[in-house]
């Protein structure tokens, strides 16, 4: 849809065989929807094109378990959420 984001619905009908065989051997997925779930660690239901490509490259090139990559991305999301909450708290304190 040219939005710059990839949704689960957009990717679930893409055939799995477009991915390199070596990548398919290293991860256990049975559909592109499974791949999307691996990459969408923050659960937003959407990936930027950059997140998608970065996730594929990490899966293909790094000798790191998938769960490690997911954990790192989730930790990044938690850090961002914590920073936002701290800013909200500071803002509330200024109002009081």
Protein backbone atom coordinates (compact mmCIF):
# COMPACT_ATOMS: atom_id res chain seq x y z
CA UNK A 1 0.00 0.00 0.00
CA UNK A 2 3.10 2.25 -0.19
CA UNK A 3 2.74 3.27 3.48
CA UNK A 4 6.28 2.22 4.33
CA UNK A 5 4.90 -0.37 6.76
CA UNK A 6 4.26 -4.08 6.36
CA UNK A 7 1.23 -5.59 8.07
CA UNK A 8 0.60 -9.22 8.91
CA UNK A 9 -2.27 -9.24 6.43
CA UNK A 10 0.00 -7.99 3.64
CA UNK A 11 2.63 -10.63 4.22
CA UNK A 12 0.60 -13.73 5.06
CA UNK A 13 -0.21 -14.47 1.39
CA UNK A 14 3.40 -14.17 0.21
CA UNK A 15 4.86 -17.60 -0.62
CA UNK A 16 7.51 -18.81 1.80
CA UNK A 17 9.76 -20.01 -1.01
CA UNK A 18 10.83 -16.45 -1.87
CA UNK A 19 13.15 -16.62 1.15
CA UNK A 20 16.59 -18.18 0.75
CA UNK A 21 16.71 -21.87 1.64
CA UNK A 22 19.55 -21.31 4.10
CA UNK A 23 17.42 -18.85 6.04
CA UNK A 24 14.52 -21.29 6.12
CA UNK A 25 16.85 -23.98 7.48
CA UNK A 26 18.04 -21.75 10.32
CA UNK A 27 14.59 -20.70 11.55
CA UNK A 28 11.57 -22.86 12.15
CA UNK A 29 8.68 -21.23 10.35
CA UNK A 30 5.94 -22.68 8.19
CA UNK A 31 4.57 -19.44 6.71
CA UNK A 32 5.39 -15.80 6.15
CA UNK A 33 2.88 -15.03 8.91
CA UNK A 34 5.15 -17.00 11.28
CA UNK A 35 8.11 -14.91 10.13
CA UNK A 36 6.11 -11.74 10.75
CA UNK A 37 5.34 -12.89 14.29
CA UNK A 38 9.06 -13.46 14.92
CA UNK A 39 9.93 -9.97 13.75
CA UNK A 40 6.99 -8.10 15.33
CA UNK A 41 8.29 -8.34 18.88
CA UNK A 42 6.47 -5.25 20.10
CA UNK A 43 3.14 -6.66 18.94
CA UNK A 44 2.05 -3.59 16.98
CA UNK A 45 0.94 -5.68 13.99
CA UNK A 46 3.11 -3.55 11.74
CA UNK A 47 6.77 -3.47 10.71
CA UNK A 48 8.57 -0.72 8.92
CA UNK A 49 10.38 -1.85 5.81
CA UNK A 50 13.63 -1.19 7.68
CA UNK A 51 12.59 -3.37 10.63
CA UNK A 52 11.63 -6.16 8.24
CA UNK A 53 14.89 -6.03 6.30
CA UNK A 54 16.99 -5.67 9.46
CA UNK A 55 15.19 -8.63 11.02
CA UNK A 56 15.78 -10.80 7.95
CA UNK A 57 19.45 -9.84 7.82
CA UNK A 58 19.87 -10.59 11.52
CA UNK A 59 18.25 -13.98 11.08
CA UNK A 60 20.33 -14.78 8.01
CA UNK A 61 23.72 -13.43 9.02
CA UNK A 62 24.00 -13.70 12.77
CA UNK A 63 24.65 -16.96 14.51
CA UNK A 64 22.29 -15.93 17.29
CA UNK A 65 19.09 -17.68 18.36
CA UNK A 66 15.87 -15.98 17.23
CA UNK A 67 14.69 -15.55 20.80
CA UNK A 68 17.81 -13.51 21.59
CA UNK A 69 17.03 -11.07 18.78
CA UNK A 70 13.43 -10.83 19.93
CA UNK A 71 14.54 -10.17 23.51
CA UNK A 72 16.88 -7.40 22.42
CA UNK A 73 14.20 -5.67 20.37
CA UNK A 74 11.70 -6.01 23.20
CA UNK A 75 14.19 -4.53 25.67
CA UNK A 76 14.62 -1.57 23.33
CA UNK A 77 10.86 -1.07 23.24
CA UNK A 78 10.69 -1.23 27.03
CA UNK A 79 13.48 1.34 27.33
CA UNK A 80 11.59 3.69 25.01
CA UNK A 81 8.38 3.23 27.00
CA UNK A 82 10.22 3.88 30.28
CA UNK A 83 11.74 7.08 28.91
CA UNK A 84 8.32 8.26 27.78
CA UNK A 85 6.81 7.50 31.19
CA UNK A 86 9.60 9.39 32.95
CA UNK A 87 8.93 12.42 30.77
CA UNK A 88 5.20 12.16 31.54
CA UNK A 89 5.93 12.02 35.29
CA UNK A 90 8.16 15.09 35.07
CA UNK A 91 5.43 16.92 33.19
CA UNK A 92 2.83 15.98 35.82
CA UNK A 93 5.11 17.09 38.65
CA UNK A 94 5.53 20.51 37.04
CA UNK A 95 1.76 20.91 36.96
CA UNK A 96 1.37 20.20 40.66
